[in-house]
Amino acid sequence: MTPDDFEGNWSLVSWEADHLDHTTSSPFGADPVGVISYGGGRMSCHMAVRGRASLARDAEGVPTEAERARAFVTYVAYAGPFEVVGSDVIHHVDVSLFPGWVGIDLVRAARFEGDLLHLTALMNAGTANEATHRLVWRAMAPGARLS
């Protein structure tokens, strides 16, 4: 597996998490939306709950605190350089919606199946929230829009 195998844009097909109590959840629902892009030694990932509510505005045109909180928990975004080591792709985060992710490495086990990219990661290891996240991405044609 090489960085060239990842080159391009991939649309999110599914995101599931397997928890310690043997349950499975879909963190952003049954039909999440997202794109992960790889190129030039860098990657960028954006994922959201499909159909997120628009932000209303108060009298000054500013979203309320509750709306900002809802927007935060329904979106994931991060970017940085990446490398491939064996069958893992490592995302070196240098910017993120989550400040705590900046400067860390997110290791994803990667597997290709036709036009699909499967990424698997153990998150929150050693905590009550430990879960194995399984994301499936489909290769996008150049210039294609997310559906």
Protein backbone atom coordinates (compact mmCIF):
# COMPACT_ATOMS: atom_id res chain seq x y z
CA MET A 1 0.00 0.00 0.00
CA THR A 2 1.39 3.43 -0.98
CA PRO A 3 0.21 7.05 -0.65
CA ASP A 4 -0.74 6.97 -4.35
CA ASP A 5 -3.41 4.36 -3.56
CA PHE A 6 -5.23 6.97 -1.45
CA GLU A 7 -4.90 9.85 -3.94
CA GLY A 8 -8.15 11.67 -4.68
CA ASN A 9 -11.48 12.32 -3.02
CA TRP A 10 -13.65 9.78 -1.25
CA SER A 11 -17.29 10.20 -0.15
CA LEU A 12 -18.50 8.76 3.13
CA VAL A 13 -20.73 5.70 2.71
CA SER A 14 -21.08 4.62 6.35
CA TRP A 15 -19.70 5.14 9.84
CA GLU A 16 -20.29 2.58 12.57
CA ALA A 17 -18.78 2.16 16.02
CA ASP A 18 -18.48 -1.12 17.92
CA HIS A 19 -18.57 -0.51 21.69
CA LEU A 20 -17.24 -2.44 24.68
CA ASP A 21 -20.77 -3.51 25.65
CA HIS A 22 -21.04 -5.29 22.27
CA THR A 23 -23.47 -2.72 20.83
CA THR A 24 -23.00 -0.95 17.51
CA SER A 25 -23.92 2.67 16.88
CA SER A 26 -23.92 5.04 13.92
CA PRO A 27 -22.40 8.23 15.39
CA PHE A 28 -23.84 10.48 12.66
CA GLY A 29 -26.93 8.43 11.86
CA ALA A 30 -27.72 5.91 9.15
CA ASP A 31 -26.86 8.29 6.28
CA PRO A 32 -23.90 10.52 7.19
CA VAL A 33 -22.27 12.83 4.67
CA GLY A 34 -18.57 13.48 4.30
CA VAL A 35 -15.48 13.65 2.17
CA ILE A 36 -11.88 12.67 2.80
CA SER A 37 -9.24 13.91 0.37
CA TYR A 38 -5.66 12.79 -0.10
CA GLY A 39 -3.08 14.50 -2.30
CA GLY A 40 0.34 16.08 -2.23
CA GLY A 41 1.21 14.33 1.02
CA ARG A 42 -1.74 15.91 2.85
CA MET A 43 -5.22 14.84 3.80
CA SER A 44 -8.42 16.58 4.84
CA CYS A 45 -11.52 15.00 6.37
CA HIS A 46 -15.00 16.50 6.83
CA MET A 47 -17.99 14.52 8.14
CA ALA A 48 -21.45 15.65 9.20
CA VAL A 49 -24.89 14.51 10.18
CA ARG A 50 -26.87 14.71 6.94
CA GLY A 51 -29.49 17.46 6.99
CA ARG A 52 -28.02 19.41 9.90
CA ALA A 53 -30.32 22.21 11.03
CA SER A 54 -29.49 25.69 9.80
CA LEU A 55 -28.42 28.13 12.46
CA ALA A 56 -31.00 30.72 13.42
CA ARG A 57 -29.80 34.15 14.45
CA ASP A 58 -30.53 36.30 17.43
CA ALA A 59 -31.31 40.01 17.12
CA GLU A 60 -27.62 40.74 16.44
CA GLY A 61 -27.40 38.02 13.79
CA VAL A 62 -25.40 35.62 15.98
CA PRO A 63 -26.35 31.95 16.46
CA THR A 64 -27.34 31.04 20.01
CA GLU A 65 -24.99 29.11 22.28
CA ALA A 66 -27.21 26.02 21.99
CA GLU A 67 -27.12 26.21 18.18
CA ARG A 68 -23.34 26.54 18.17
CA ALA A 69 -23.09 23.51 20.48
CA ARG A 70 -25.41 21.49 18.22
CA ALA A 71 -23.33 22.44 15.16
CA PHE A 72 -20.15 21.36 16.96
CA VAL A 73 -21.39 17.87 17.89
CA THR A 74 -22.73 17.15 14.40
CA TYR A 75 -19.49 17.81 12.49
CA VAL A 76 -15.93 16.47 12.40
CA ALA A 77 -13.12 18.21 10.55
CA TYR A 78 -9.36 17.82 10.58
CA ALA A 79 -6.41 17.96 8.20
CA GLY A 80 -2.67 17.46 8.02
CA PRO A 81 0.06 15.45 6.38
CA PHE A 82 -0.35 11.70 6.11
CA GLU A 83 1.84 8.66 5.65
CA VAL A 84 1.30 5.00 4.91
CA VAL A 85 3.01 2.41 7.10
CA GLY A 86 2.24 -1.17 6.11
CA SER A 87 -1.55 -1.43 5.99
CA ASP A 88 -2.09 1.67 8.15
CA VAL A 89 -2.61 5.26 7.07
CA ILE A 90 -1.51 7.76 9.69
CA HIS A 91 -3.12 11.21 9.73
CA HIS A 92 -0.78 13.73 11.43
CA VAL A 93 -3.31 16.32 12.59
CA ASP A 94 -2.21 19.95 12.33
CA VAL A 95 -5.65 21.61 12.29
CA SER A 96 -8.97 20.33 13.66
CA LEU A 97 -12.40 21.35 14.86
CA PHE A 98 -11.31 19.59 18.07
CA PRO A 99 -8.31 21.50 19.51
CA GLY A 100 -7.20 18.41 21.43
CA TRP A 101 -6.53 16.58 18.17
CA VAL A 102 -3.93 19.11 16.96
CA GLY A 103 -0.49 17.54 17.12
CA ILE A 104 -1.67 13.95 17.48
CA ASP A 105 -1.50 11.05 15.05
CA LEU A 106 -4.72 9.29 14.08
CA VAL A 107 -3.86 5.75 12.98
CA ARG A 108 -6.34 4.05 10.65
CA ALA A 109 -6.11 0.46 9.46
CA ALA A 110 -6.81 0.71 5.73
CA ARG A 111 -8.19 -1.77 3.24
CA PHE A 112 -9.25 -1.28 -0.39
CA GLU A 113 -12.13 -3.20 -1.95
CA GLY A 114 -12.92 -2.14 -5.52
CA ASP A 115 -13.87 1.55 -5.37
CA LEU A 116 -14.23 1.43 -1.58
CA LEU A 117 -11.74 2.45 1.10
CA HIS A 118 -12.30 0.92 4.54
CA LEU A 119 -10.73 2.77 7.48
CA THR A 120 -10.86 1.30 10.98
CA ALA A 121 -9.66 2.95 14.18
CA LEU A 122 -9.72 2.29 17.90
CA MET A 123 -10.83 5.51 19.61
CA ASN A 124 -10.78 6.43 23.31
CA ALA A 125 -8.70 3.35 24.15
CA GLY A 126 -8.71 2.40 27.81
CA THR A 127 -11.78 4.47 28.67
CA ALA A 128 -15.44 3.66 29.13
CA ASN A 129 -15.99 5.23 25.69
CA GLU A 130 -13.55 2.90 23.90
CA ALA A 131 -14.91 1.88 20.51
CA THR A 132 -13.71 0.54 17.18
CA HIS A 133 -14.88 2.91 14.46
CA ARG A 134 -15.42 1.52 10.96
CA LEU A 135 -15.75 4.03 8.12
CA VAL A 136 -16.37 3.15 4.49
CA TRP A 137 -15.54 5.65 1.74
CA ARG A 138 -16.28 5.46 -2.01
CA ALA A 139 -13.93 6.91 -4.64
CA MET A 140 -15.35 10.05 -6.24
CA ALA A 141 -15.00 11.04 -9.87
CA PRO A 142 -13.05 14.29 -10.40
CA GLY A 143 -15.32 17.27 -9.84
CA ALA A 144 -18.17 15.13 -8.46
CA ARG A 145 -20.47 16.56 -5.82
CA LEU A 146 -21.46 14.77 -2.64
CA SER A 147 -24.86 13.14 -2.89
